[in-house]
Amino acid sequence: MDQVICILNVYAPKRTVDNRGLWERILSIKESNNGLWILLGDFNSVRSMEERRNSVFIHVCARDFNDFIFNANLSEFNMKGGKFTFSIGNKCSKLDRVLVCPDFLNRWPEACLKVLPKFLSDHRPIVLYTKFANFGPKLFRFFNSWLKRKGIDEVVKKAWHQFQMDGPPDLKLILKLKCVRDEIRKWWEEVKTKEMEEFSILKDEFEKLENMAEQRDLNEEENWVRLECVKGIKDMEFRKSLDLKQKSRIRWASMGDENTSFFSWNYQP
């Protein structure tokens, strides 16, 4: 059976104004209309001292707001992603929220409220998710080129044997794999930083020798250094090409391997 959902967007005046009349009006509207009720928006009121920081807390306003929520038989979701929705300077407050009726909670018990980054605004957007989506553990991308680098075997073996835990076997396996993943990530960050520095050194040395070769003939040692620079640069570029190739195959596989953009043209009759 279809259910009527009543959504009321609230933008209350500043807390210096008595909002008791507004709460009474909203309560009257709710009682005169049946359905699943959702009240959301900027209520410009807090419920406790913990919802303000470096700003004045008015006990009477908080009491009136809590009385309104109780009399309207509304509930509030625990907000994830942050404690406050409004900030200016060092002042923070939780002014934006979503209030729902008990029937809404019963119909979507796994709903959650999330606060997003505010960027240029004073307020942080809030999003109510009614559909629970659990995609399991986050996937870890592993490139085949890593197997050709020194040290990867030792990192995996050390992380695998070093992990110790008492508990269910399935949980133990998950946490053990997570430990291995974290160690590989740390190793890769170190390797990537080192290779970038090495690439920059090889490139500078190669360009220096190339400029010297325009002025005079290079001696045997300088020619050998230039060849080693070229060899090192080509080896690094080859490993990068392997990673790009693997990325492209993953993307083509996930998108159906339809590379139609390579065959598009601008037709003008």
C-alpha atoms as a PDB file:
ATOM      1  CA  MET A   1       0.000   0.000   0.000  1.00  0.00           C
ATOM      2  CA  ASP A   2       1.334   3.443  -0.955  1.00  0.00           C
ATOM      3  CA  GLN A   3       2.166   5.777   1.902  1.00  0.00           C
ATOM      4  CA  VAL A   4       1.944   9.569   1.862  1.00  0.00           C
ATOM      5  CA  ILE A   5       5.248  11.237   2.761  1.00  0.00           C
ATOM      6  CA  CYS A   6       5.111  14.795   4.083  1.00  0.00           C
ATOM      7  CA  ILE A   7       8.361  16.749   3.758  1.00  0.00           C
ATOM      8  CA  LEU A   8       8.654  20.118   5.481  1.00  0.00           C
ATOM      9  CA  ASN A   9      11.677  22.300   4.710  1.00  0.00           C
ATOM     10  CA  VAL A  10      12.462  24.517   7.703  1.00  0.00           C
ATOM     11  CA  TYR A  11      14.428  27.753   7.667  1.00  0.00           C
ATOM     12  CA  ALA A  12      14.047  29.195  11.141  1.00  0.00           C
ATOM     13  CA  PRO A  13      14.994  32.748  12.129  1.00  0.00           C
ATOM     14  CA  LYS A  14      18.108  33.418  14.183  1.00  0.00           C
ATOM     15  CA  ARG A  15      18.261  32.095  17.713  1.00  0.00           C
ATOM     16  CA  THR A  16      17.952  35.616  19.130  1.00  0.00           C
ATOM     17  CA  VAL A  17      14.280  35.532  18.054  1.00  0.00           C
ATOM     18  CA  ASP A  18      11.719  33.576  20.047  1.00  0.00           C
ATOM     19  CA  ASN A  19      10.990  30.480  17.927  1.00  0.00           C
ATOM     20  CA  ARG A  20       8.308  29.088  20.213  1.00  0.00           C
ATOM     21  CA  GLY A  21       5.570  30.359  17.880  1.00  0.00           C
ATOM     22  CA  LEU A  22       7.237  28.665  14.905  1.00  0.00           C
ATOM     23  CA  TRP A  23       7.426  25.321  16.705  1.00  0.00           C
ATOM     24  CA  GLU A  24       3.747  25.559  17.631  1.00  0.00           C
ATOM     25  CA  ARG A  25       2.791  26.325  14.016  1.00  0.00           C
ATOM     26  CA  ILE A  26       4.811  23.379  12.671  1.00  0.00           C
ATOM     27  CA  LEU A  27       3.276  21.105  15.299  1.00  0.00           C
ATOM     28  CA  SER A  28      -0.212  22.216  14.241  1.00  0.00           C
ATOM     29  CA  ILE A  29       0.559  21.502  10.564  1.00  0.00           C
ATOM     30  CA  LYS A  30       1.909  18.041  11.408  1.00  0.00           C
ATOM     31  CA  GLU A  31      -1.092  17.085  13.525  1.00  0.00           C
ATOM     32  CA  SER A  32      -3.509  18.125  10.778  1.00  0.00           C
ATOM     33  CA  ASN A  33      -1.885  15.957   8.075  1.00  0.00           C
ATOM     34  CA  ASN A  34      -1.417  12.187   8.153  1.00  0.00           C
ATOM     35  CA  GLY A  35       1.568  10.435   6.621  1.00  0.00           C
ATOM     36  CA  LEU A  36       5.260   9.817   7.087  1.00  0.00           C
ATOM     37  CA  TRP A  37       6.774  13.070   8.284  1.00  0.00           C
ATOM     38  CA  ILE A  38      10.248  14.405   7.491  1.00  0.00           C
ATOM     39  CA  LEU A  39      11.322  17.789   8.831  1.00  0.00           C
ATOM     40  CA  LEU A  40      14.646  19.043   7.525  1.00  0.00           C
ATOM     41  CA  GLY A  41      16.579  22.233   7.059  1.00  0.00           C
ATOM     42  CA  ASP A  42      18.171  25.005   9.087  1.00  0.00           C
ATOM     43  CA  PHE A  43      16.402  25.027  12.471  1.00  0.00           C
ATOM     44  CA  ASN A  44      18.780  27.682  13.873  1.00  0.00           C
ATOM     45  CA  SER A  45      18.511  25.962  17.249  1.00  0.00           C
ATOM     46  CA  VAL A  46      20.586  23.481  19.188  1.00  0.00           C
ATOM     47  CA  ARG A  47      19.491  20.816  21.651  1.00  0.00           C
ATOM     48  CA  SER A  48      22.443  20.846  24.069  1.00  0.00           C
ATOM     49  CA  MET A  49      25.664  22.665  24.906  1.00  0.00           C
ATOM     50  CA  GLU A  50      27.657  19.990  23.031  1.00  0.00           C
ATOM     51  CA  GLU A  51      26.106  21.237  19.786  1.00  0.00           C
ATOM     52  CA  ARG A  52      27.831  24.608  20.107  1.00  0.00           C
ATOM     53  CA  ARG A  53      31.481  25.574  20.324  1.00  0.00           C
ATOM     54  CA  ASN A  54      32.832  29.067  20.973  1.00  0.00           C
ATOM     55  CA  SER A  55      29.318  30.514  20.767  1.00  0.00           C
ATOM     56  CA  VAL A  56      26.605  31.437  23.262  1.00  0.00           C
ATOM     57  CA  PHE A  57      24.270  28.660  24.409  1.00  0.00           C
ATOM     58  CA  ILE A  58      20.768  29.822  25.406  1.00  0.00           C
ATOM     59  CA  HIS A  59      19.165  27.263  27.675  1.00  0.00           C
ATOM     60  CA  VAL A  60      15.584  28.504  27.126  1.00  0.00           C
ATOM     61  CA  CYS A  61      15.825  28.173  23.326  1.00  0.00           C
ATOM     62  CA  ALA A  62      17.232  24.649  23.629  1.00  0.00           C
ATOM     63  CA  ARG A  63      14.463  23.673  26.068  1.00  0.00           C
ATOM     64  CA  ASP A  64      11.729  24.951  23.738  1.00  0.00           C
ATOM     65  CA  PHE A  65      13.286  23.128  20.792  1.00  0.00           C
ATOM     66  CA  ASN A  66      13.538  19.838  22.700  1.00  0.00           C
ATOM     67  CA  ASP A  67       9.941  20.218  23.923  1.00  0.00           C
ATOM     68  CA  PHE A  68       8.798  20.700  20.323  1.00  0.00           C
ATOM     69  CA  ILE A  69      10.622  17.529  19.158  1.00  0.00           C
ATOM     70  CA  PHE A  70       9.099  15.551  22.053  1.00  0.00           C
ATOM     71  CA  ASN A  71       5.536  16.860  21.537  1.00  0.00           C
ATOM     72  CA  ALA A  72       5.755  16.237  17.765  1.00  0.00           C
ATOM     73  CA  ASN A  73       6.956  12.668  18.429  1.00  0.00           C
ATOM     74  CA  LEU A  74       9.991  13.101  16.188  1.00  0.00           C
ATOM     75  CA  SER A  75      13.360  11.383  16.215  1.00  0.00           C
ATOM     76  CA  GLU A  76      16.772  12.424  14.964  1.00  0.00           C
ATOM     77  CA  PHE A  77      19.457  10.420  13.170  1.00  0.00           C
ATOM     78  CA  ASN A  78      23.000  10.313  14.440  1.00  0.00           C
ATOM     79  CA  MET A  79      24.988  12.410  12.007  1.00  0.00           C
ATOM     80  CA  LYS A  80      28.077  10.876  10.416  1.00  0.00           C
ATOM     81  CA  GLY A  81      31.028  12.705   8.933  1.00  0.00           C
ATOM     82  CA  GLY A  82      31.115  15.606  11.404  1.00  0.00           C
ATOM     83  CA  LYS A  83      29.664  17.110  14.580  1.00  0.00           C
ATOM     84  CA  PHE A  84      28.654  20.547  13.287  1.00  0.00           C
ATOM     85  CA  THR A  85      26.827  21.850  10.216  1.00  0.00           C
ATOM     86  CA  PHE A  86      27.539  25.579  10.539  1.00  0.00           C
ATOM     87  CA  SER A  87      30.842  27.339  11.138  1.00  0.00           C
ATOM     88  CA  ILE A  88      32.176  30.836  10.780  1.00  0.00           C
ATOM     89  CA  GLY A  89      35.618  31.637  12.089  1.00  0.00           C
ATOM     90  CA  ASN A  90      36.152  29.494  15.174  1.00  0.00           C
ATOM     91  CA  LYS A  91      32.428  29.338  15.975  1.00  0.00           C
ATOM     92  CA  CYS A  92      30.673  26.042  15.232  1.00  0.00           C
ATOM     93  CA  SER A  93      27.083  24.890  15.719  1.00  0.00           C
ATOM     94  CA  LYS A  94      24.788  22.074  14.710  1.00  0.00           C
ATOM     95  CA  LEU A  95      21.917  24.050  13.186  1.00  0.00           C
ATOM     96  CA  ASP A  96      20.912  21.800  10.276  1.00  0.00           C
ATOM     97  CA  ARG A  97      19.268  18.456  10.949  1.00  0.00           C
ATOM     98  CA  VAL A  98      16.663  15.916   9.832  1.00  0.00           C
ATOM     99  CA  LEU A  99      13.764  14.941  12.099  1.00  0.00           C
ATOM    100  CA  VAL A 100      11.485  12.003  11.238  1.00  0.00           C
ATOM    101  CA  CYS A 101       8.451  10.285  12.696  1.00  0.00           C
ATOM    102  CA  PRO A 102       8.576   6.757  14.232  1.00  0.00           C
ATOM    103  CA  ASP A 103       6.857   5.204  11.179  1.00  0.00           C
ATOM    104  CA  PHE A 104       9.685   6.489   9.003  1.00  0.00           C
ATOM    105  CA  LEU A 105      12.235   4.835  11.279  1.00  0.00           C
ATOM    106  CA  ASN A 106      10.308   1.556  11.182  1.00  0.00           C
ATOM    107  CA  ARG A 107      10.149   1.597   7.392  1.00  0.00           C
ATOM    108  CA  TRP A 108      13.824   2.531   6.858  1.00  0.00           C
ATOM    109  CA  PRO A 109      15.632   1.304  10.002  1.00  0.00           C
ATOM    110  CA  GLU A 110      19.028   1.360   8.262  1.00  0.00           C
ATOM    111  CA  ALA A 111      18.784   4.956   7.060  1.00  0.00           C
ATOM    112  CA  CYS A 112      21.688   7.235   7.943  1.00  0.00           C
ATOM    113  CA  LEU A 113      22.443  10.947   7.886  1.00  0.00           C
ATOM    114  CA  LYS A 114      25.774  12.191   6.533  1.00  0.00           C
ATOM    115  CA  VAL A 115      27.323  15.656   6.565  1.00  0.00           C
ATOM    116  CA  LEU A 116      29.345  16.768   3.533  1.00  0.00           C
ATOM    117  CA  PRO A 117      32.186  19.325   3.169  1.00  0.00           C
ATOM    118  CA  LYS A 118      30.996  22.934   3.103  1.00  0.00           C
ATOM    119  CA  PHE A 119      33.616  24.468   0.762  1.00  0.00           C
ATOM    120  CA  LEU A 120      32.704  28.171   0.307  1.00  0.00           C
ATOM    121  CA  SER A 121      29.425  28.171   2.246  1.00  0.00           C
ATOM    122  CA  ASP A 122      28.941  28.707   5.977  1.00  0.00           C
ATOM    123  CA  HIS A 123      26.774  25.593   6.119  1.00  0.00           C
ATOM    124  CA  ARG A 124      27.714  21.993   5.406  1.00  0.00           C
ATOM    125  CA  PRO A 125      25.174  20.053   3.307  1.00  0.00           C
ATOM    126  CA  ILE A 126      23.525  17.050   4.934  1.00  0.00           C
ATOM    127  CA  VAL A 127      22.246  14.000   3.049  1.00  0.00           C
ATOM    128  CA  LEU A 128      19.753  11.412   4.287  1.00  0.00           C
ATOM    129  CA  TYR A 129      20.371   7.941   2.857  1.00  0.00           C
ATOM    130  CA  THR A 130      17.412   5.557   3.122  1.00  0.00           C
ATOM    131  CA  LYS A 131      18.986   2.729   1.146  1.00  0.00           C
ATOM    132  CA  PHE A 132      21.682   0.712   2.847  1.00  0.00           C
ATOM    133  CA  ALA A 133      24.495  -0.151   0.466  1.00  0.00           C
ATOM    134  CA  ASN A 134      27.346  -2.293   1.722  1.00  0.00           C
ATOM    135  CA  PHE A 135      29.809  -3.198  -0.990  1.00  0.00           C
ATOM    136  CA  GLY A 136      32.078  -5.091   1.388  1.00  0.00           C
ATOM    137  CA  PRO A 137      35.761  -4.405   1.921  1.00  0.00           C
ATOM    138  CA  LYS A 138      37.338  -1.795  -0.319  1.00  0.00           C
ATOM    139  CA  LEU A 139      39.134  -3.295  -3.293  1.00  0.00           C
ATOM    140  CA  PHE A 140      42.907  -3.036  -3.470  1.00  0.00           C
ATOM    141  CA  ARG A 141      44.527  -2.379  -6.831  1.00  0.00           C
ATOM    142  CA  PHE A 142      47.729  -4.322  -7.426  1.00  0.00           C
ATOM    143  CA  PHE A 143      49.862  -3.699 -10.509  1.00  0.00           C
ATOM    144  CA  ASN A 144      51.746  -6.550 -12.134  1.00  0.00           C
ATOM    145  CA  SER A 145      54.818  -4.333 -12.567  1.00  0.00           C
ATOM    146  CA  TRP A 146      55.281  -4.368  -8.782  1.00  0.00           C
ATOM    147  CA  LEU A 147      56.302  -8.016  -9.016  1.00  0.00           C
ATOM    148  CA  LYS A 148      59.368  -6.959 -11.032  1.00  0.00           C
ATOM    149  CA  ARG A 149      60.573  -4.573  -8.347  1.00  0.00           C
ATOM    150  CA  LYS A 150      62.947  -5.622  -5.616  1.00  0.00           C
ATOM    151  CA  GLY A 151      61.609  -5.960  -2.095  1.00  0.00           C
ATOM    152  CA  ILE A 152      57.976  -6.855  -2.760  1.00  0.00           C
ATOM    153  CA  ASP A 153      58.460 -10.512  -1.785  1.00  0.00           C
ATOM    154  CA  GLU A 154      60.065  -9.600   1.541  1.00  0.00           C
ATOM    155  CA  VAL A 155      57.322  -7.072   2.338  1.00  0.00           C
ATOM    156  CA  VAL A 156      54.532  -9.607   1.781  1.00  0.00           C
ATOM    157  CA  LYS A 157      56.276 -12.408   3.692  1.00  0.00           C
ATOM    158  CA  LYS A 158      57.123 -10.175   6.640  1.00  0.00           C
ATOM    159  CA  ALA A 159      53.573  -8.768   6.922  1.00  0.00           C
ATOM    160  CA  TRP A 160      52.042 -12.251   6.590  1.00  0.00           C
ATOM    161  CA  HIS A 161      54.158 -13.894   9.300  1.00  0.00           C
ATOM    162  CA  GLN A 162      54.266 -10.887  11.590  1.00  0.00           C
ATOM    163  CA  PHE A 163      50.480 -10.612  12.016  1.00  0.00           C
ATOM    164  CA  GLN A 164      49.175 -12.277  15.177  1.00  0.00           C
ATOM    165  CA  MET A 165      45.573 -12.391  16.394  1.00  0.00           C
ATOM    166  CA  ASP A 166      43.196 -14.627  18.335  1.00  0.00           C
ATOM    167  CA  GLY A 167      39.656 -14.844  17.052  1.00  0.00           C
ATOM    168  CA  PRO A 168      37.368 -16.389  14.428  1.00  0.00           C
ATOM    169  CA  PRO A 169      39.287 -17.724  11.397  1.00  0.00           C
ATOM    170  CA  ASP A 170      37.330 -15.647   8.863  1.00  0.00           C
ATOM    171  CA  LEU A 171      37.914 -12.394  10.755  1.00  0.00           C
ATOM    172  CA  LYS A 172      41.553 -13.314  11.254  1.00  0.00           C
ATOM    173  CA  LEU A 173      42.006 -13.861   7.509  1.00  0.00           C
ATOM    174  CA  ILE A 174      40.368 -10.527   6.634  1.00  0.00           C
ATOM    175  CA  LEU A 175      42.520  -8.577   9.083  1.00  0.00           C
ATOM    176  CA  LYS A 176      45.631 -10.445   7.965  1.00  0.00           C
ATOM    177  CA  LEU A 177      45.022  -9.521   4.338  1.00  0.00           C
ATOM    178  CA  LYS A 178      44.346  -5.938   5.418  1.00  0.00           C
ATOM    179  CA  CYS A 179      47.712  -5.884   7.201  1.00  0.00           C
ATOM    180  CA  VAL A 180      49.447  -7.145   4.043  1.00  0.00           C
ATOM    181  CA  ARG A 181      47.624  -4.536   1.949  1.00  0.00           C
ATOM    182  CA  ASP A 182      48.662  -1.698   4.259  1.00  0.00           C
ATOM    183  CA  GLU A 183      52.300  -2.796   4.215  1.00  0.00           C
ATOM    184  CA  ILE A 184      52.292  -3.016   0.407  1.00  0.00           C
ATOM    185  CA  ARG A 185      50.844   0.492   0.207  1.00  0.00           C
ATOM    186  CA  LYS A 186      53.560   1.854   2.492  1.00  0.00           C
ATOM    187  CA  TRP A 187      56.216   0.056   0.458  1.00  0.00           C
ATOM    188  CA  TRP A 188      54.813   1.400  -2.808  1.00  0.00           C
ATOM    189  CA  GLU A 189      54.751   4.993  -1.555  1.00  0.00           C
ATOM    190  CA  GLU A 190      58.405   4.714  -0.609  1.00  0.00           C
ATOM    191  CA  VAL A 191      59.315   3.075  -3.932  1.00  0.00           C
ATOM    192  CA  LYS A 192      57.349   5.645  -5.926  1.00  0.00           C
ATOM    193  CA  THR A 193      59.008   8.557  -4.151  1.00  0.00           C
ATOM    194  CA  LYS A 194      62.447   7.031  -4.637  1.00  0.00           C
ATOM    195  CA  GLU A 195      61.826   6.328  -8.333  1.00  0.00           C
ATOM    196  CA  MET A 196      60.593   9.865  -8.964  1.00  0.00           C
ATOM    197  CA  GLU A 197      63.754  11.263  -7.414  1.00  0.00           C
ATOM    198  CA  GLU A 198      65.901   8.819  -9.401  1.00  0.00           C
ATOM    199  CA  PHE A 199      64.074   9.708 -12.633  1.00  0.00           C
ATOM    200  CA  SER A 200      64.652  13.417 -12.031  1.00  0.00           C
ATOM    201  CA  ILE A 201      68.378  12.822 -11.407  1.00  0.00           C
ATOM    202  CA  LEU A 202      68.760  10.677 -14.542  1.00  0.00           C
ATOM    203  CA  LYS A 203      66.903  13.201 -16.657  1.00  0.00           C
ATOM    204  CA  ASP A 204      69.005  16.132 -15.413  1.00  0.00           C
ATOM    205  CA  GLU A 205      72.226  14.181 -15.948  1.00  0.00           C
ATOM    206  CA  PHE A 206      71.166  13.134 -19.448  1.00  0.00           C
ATOM    207  CA  GLU A 207      70.255  16.698 -20.445  1.00  0.00           C
ATOM    208  CA  LYS A 208      73.559  17.932 -19.060  1.00  0.00           C
ATOM    209  CA  LEU A 209      75.529  15.403 -21.136  1.00  0.00           C
ATOM    210  CA  GLU A 210      73.456  16.192 -24.221  1.00  0.00           C
ATOM    211  CA  ASN A 211      74.351  19.876 -23.886  1.00  0.00           C
ATOM    212  CA  MET A 212      77.998  18.975 -23.436  1.00  0.00           C
ATOM    213  CA  ALA A 213      77.900  16.787 -26.560  1.00  0.00           C
ATOM    214  CA  GLU A 214      76.872  19.821 -28.588  1.00  0.00           C
ATOM    215  CA  GLN A 215      80.024  21.635 -27.509  1.00  0.00           C
ATOM    216  CA  ARG A 216      82.589  18.825 -27.675  1.00  0.00           C
ATOM    217  CA  ASP A 217      83.043  15.060 -28.030  1.00  0.00           C
ATOM    218  CA  LEU A 218      82.250  13.102 -24.896  1.00  0.00           C
ATOM    219  CA  ASN A 219      84.912  10.867 -23.434  1.00  0.00           C
ATOM    220  CA  GLU A 220      84.447   7.159 -22.762  1.00  0.00           C
ATOM    221  CA  GLU A 221      83.215   7.590 -19.194  1.00  0.00           C
ATOM    222  CA  GLU A 222      80.735  10.309 -20.159  1.00  0.00           C
ATOM    223  CA  ASN A 223      79.352   8.171 -22.996  1.00  0.00           C
ATOM    224  CA  TRP A 224      78.905   5.278 -20.597  1.00  0.00           C
ATOM    225  CA  VAL A 225      77.043   7.528 -18.124  1.00  0.00           C
ATOM    226  CA  ARG A 226      74.775   8.808 -20.904  1.00  0.00           C
ATOM    227  CA  LEU A 227      73.954   5.244 -21.992  1.00  0.00           C
ATOM    228  CA  GLU A 228      73.172   4.273 -18.398  1.00  0.00           C
ATOM    229  CA  CYS A 229      70.899   7.301 -18.087  1.00  0.00           C
ATOM    230  CA  VAL A 230      69.034   6.322 -21.249  1.00  0.00           C
ATOM    231  CA  LYS A 231      68.745   2.738 -20.035  1.00  0.00           C
ATOM    232  CA  GLY A 232      67.372   3.822 -16.648  1.00  0.00           C
ATOM    233  CA  ILE A 233      64.861   6.261 -18.154  1.00  0.00           C
ATOM    234  CA  LYS A 234      63.607   3.673 -20.661  1.00  0.00           C
ATOM    235  CA  ASP A 235      63.221   1.082 -17.905  1.00  0.00           C
ATOM    236  CA  MET A 236      61.100   3.452 -15.801  1.00  0.00           C
ATOM    237  CA  GLU A 237      58.992   4.488 -18.786  1.00  0.00           C
ATOM    238  CA  PHE A 238      58.447   0.835 -19.640  1.00  0.00           C
ATOM    239  CA  ARG A 239      57.143   0.092 -16.144  1.00  0.00           C
ATOM    240  CA  LYS A 240      54.798   3.086 -16.402  1.00  0.00           C
ATOM    241  CA  SER A 241      53.500   1.792 -19.740  1.00  0.00           C
ATOM    242  CA  LEU A 242      52.757  -1.589 -18.137  1.00  0.00           C
ATOM    243  CA  ASP A 243      50.654   0.101 -15.459  1.00  0.00           C
ATOM    244  CA  LEU A 244      48.782   2.169 -18.068  1.00  0.00           C
ATOM    245  CA  LYS A 245      48.168  -0.947 -20.127  1.00  0.00           C
ATOM    246  CA  GLN A 246      46.744  -2.776 -17.134  1.00  0.00           C
ATOM    247  CA  LYS A 247      44.538   0.206 -16.240  1.00  0.00           C
ATOM    248  CA  SER A 248      43.174   0.394 -19.794  1.00  0.00           C
ATOM    249  CA  ARG A 249      42.310  -3.312 -19.824  1.00  0.00           C
ATOM    250  CA  ILE A 250      40.455  -3.005 -16.530  1.00  0.00           C
ATOM    251  CA  ARG A 251      38.508   0.006 -17.809  1.00  0.00           C
ATOM    252  CA  TRP A 252      37.664  -1.640 -21.127  1.00  0.00           C
ATOM    253  CA  ALA A 253      36.526  -4.803 -19.362  1.00  0.00           C
ATOM    254  CA  SER A 254      34.275  -2.884 -16.956  1.00  0.00           C
ATOM    255  CA  MET A 255      32.808  -0.743 -19.775  1.00  0.00           C
ATOM    256  CA  GLY A 256      32.190  -3.617 -22.159  1.00  0.00           C
ATOM    257  CA  ASP A 257      35.317  -3.071 -24.265  1.00  0.00           C
ATOM    258  CA  GLU A 258      33.402  -0.682 -26.536  1.00  0.00           C
ATOM    259  CA  ASN A 259      36.020   1.816 -27.726  1.00  0.00           C
ATOM    260  CA  THR A 260      33.582   3.694 -29.918  1.00  0.00           C
ATOM    261  CA  SER A 261      35.238   7.056 -29.178  1.00  0.00           C
ATOM    262  CA  PHE A 262      38.195   5.965 -31.319  1.00  0.00           C
ATOM    263  CA  PHE A 263      35.890   5.725 -34.362  1.00  0.00           C
ATOM    264  CA  SER A 264      33.764   8.860 -33.981  1.00  0.00           C
ATOM    265  CA  TRP A 265      33.762  11.655 -36.530  1.00  0.00           C
ATOM    266  CA  ASN A 266      31.943  14.909 -37.259  1.00  0.00           C
ATOM    267  CA  TYR A 267      29.505  14.259 -40.115  1.00  0.00           C
ATOM    268  CA  GLN A 268      28.205  17.290 -42.012  1.00  0.00           C
ATOM    269  CA  PRO A 269      25.766  16.574 -44.861  1.00  0.00           C
END
